[in-house]
Protein backbone atom coordinates (compact mmCIF):
# COMPACT_ATOMS: atom_id res chain seq x y z
CA MET A 1 44.04 133.24 99.94
CA PHE A 2 45.55 129.84 99.83
CA ILE A 3 48.82 129.12 97.92
CA PRO A 4 49.30 125.76 97.04
CA VAL A 5 52.97 124.45 97.48
CA ILE A 6 54.18 122.07 94.94
CA LEU A 7 57.30 120.25 95.66
CA ILE A 8 59.95 118.51 93.13
CA CYS A 9 61.63 115.77 94.30
CA TYR A 10 64.72 115.12 91.76
CA PRO A 11 66.16 111.37 91.43
CA VAL A 12 69.82 110.86 93.50
CA TYR A 13 72.24 108.72 91.26
CA VAL A 14 73.73 106.01 92.98
CA SER A 15 76.82 105.09 91.32
CA PRO A 16 77.21 101.25 91.68
CA VAL A 17 81.16 101.32 91.87
CA PRO A 18 82.25 102.05 95.48
CA ALA A 19 84.08 104.96 95.72
CA ILE A 20 87.14 103.62 97.12
CA HIS A 21 87.75 102.34 92.93
CA ARG A 22 86.37 105.67 91.93
CA PRO A 23 89.97 107.56 90.70
CA SER A 24 88.45 110.56 91.74
CA SER A 25 87.76 109.59 95.35
CA LEU A 26 91.66 109.04 95.15
CA LEU A 27 92.31 112.77 95.00
CA LYS A 28 91.63 115.40 97.51
CA LYS A 29 90.11 118.89 96.43
CA SER A 30 91.25 121.49 97.61
CA SER A 31 89.10 123.59 99.51
CA THR A 32 91.77 127.07 98.27
CA THR A 33 91.56 126.88 94.95
CA PRO A 34 88.34 124.68 93.46
CA SER A 35 89.19 123.58 90.14
CA SER A 36 92.89 121.95 91.27
CA PHE A 37 93.52 119.05 93.51
CA GLU A 38 96.62 118.80 95.51
CA MET A 39 98.83 115.87 95.12
CA HIS A 40 100.78 114.36 98.66
CA LEU A 41 103.80 112.58 98.49
CA MET A 42 103.26 108.77 99.32
CA TYR A 43 105.71 106.09 99.88
CA THR A 44 106.64 101.92 98.98
CA LEU A 45 109.15 99.78 100.13
CA GLY A 46 111.31 99.00 96.91
CA PRO A 47 112.80 95.34 97.26
CA ASP A 48 115.87 96.65 98.52
CA GLY A 49 113.93 97.78 101.33
CA LYS A 50 114.36 101.62 100.34
CA ARG A 51 111.70 104.34 100.11
CA VAL A 52 110.49 104.57 96.13
CA TYR A 53 108.42 107.87 96.40
CA THR A 54 105.31 108.37 94.37
CA LEU A 55 102.12 110.44 93.80
CA ASP A 56 99.55 107.50 93.44
CA LYS A 57 97.51 106.04 96.33
CA VAL A 58 98.12 102.78 95.17
CA THR A 59 100.76 100.68 93.14
CA ALA A 60 100.67 98.84 90.12
CA ASP A 61 100.68 95.67 91.91
CA GLY A 62 97.21 96.72 94.56
CA GLU A 63 99.91 97.83 96.85
CA ILE A 64 98.28 101.11 99.60
CA THR A 65 101.47 103.40 99.97
CA LYS A 66 102.37 104.98 102.93
CA SER A 67 102.57 109.13 103.71
CA ALA A 68 105.64 110.71 103.48
CA HIS A 69 105.21 113.43 105.34
CA PRO A 70 105.21 113.27 109.03
CA ALA A 71 102.23 112.97 111.61
CA ARG A 72 100.93 116.35 113.08
CA PHE A 73 103.32 117.87 115.99
CA SER A 74 100.94 118.67 118.92
CA PRO A 75 102.62 120.41 121.56
CA ASP A 76 99.13 119.78 124.25
CA ASP A 77 100.04 116.36 125.50
CA LYS A 78 96.80 114.97 126.56
CA TYR A 79 97.81 111.61 127.31
CA SER A 80 100.93 111.89 129.12
CA ARG A 81 99.44 111.55 132.81
CA GLN A 82 97.94 107.65 131.55
CA ARG A 83 101.55 107.09 129.89
CA VAL A 84 103.39 108.46 132.93
CA THR A 85 100.56 105.77 134.92
CA LEU A 86 101.68 102.88 132.62
CA LYS A 87 105.69 103.07 132.17
CA LYS A 88 105.65 103.86 136.19
CA ARG A 89 102.85 100.00 136.35
CA TYR A 90 105.09 97.91 134.22
CA ASN A 91 108.74 99.50 135.95
CA LEU A 92 109.65 101.28 132.38
CA LEU A 93 110.94 104.56 133.58
CA PRO A 94 114.42 105.82 133.27
CA THR A 95 114.28 106.55 137.55
CA GLN A 96 113.31 102.53 137.87
CA GLN A 97 116.14 100.88 135.54
CA GLU A 98 119.12 99.72 137.12
C-alpha cells in the first residue's frame, strides 16, 4: 500500500531591521525563567572621568556601554608557558631585572 507524503513549507519571515537595532536583541533571555530577561549592570565614563552606571547597552548619544562585572576567572591558565617564554625573550622576568 502506498501512502502519499505531503510536505508543507512555511515561509520564513526575515526582519529587514538588523538585529543590533532591534530592542529585543539587546536583552539576554534567561534560560531558567523563560518569561523574564536578565539585566546586567553597565557603565560609561562621564565627563569628569568617573563611572556612570546604567542598565542600558547603548547610551542616548549612541556610545556603547561596558560591563561593570569582572571577567570570569579560571584557575586553569592555558597560556602561562607562552607568557613566561615571551617575558624571558624580552627580559621582563623579575629575576632578569637589575
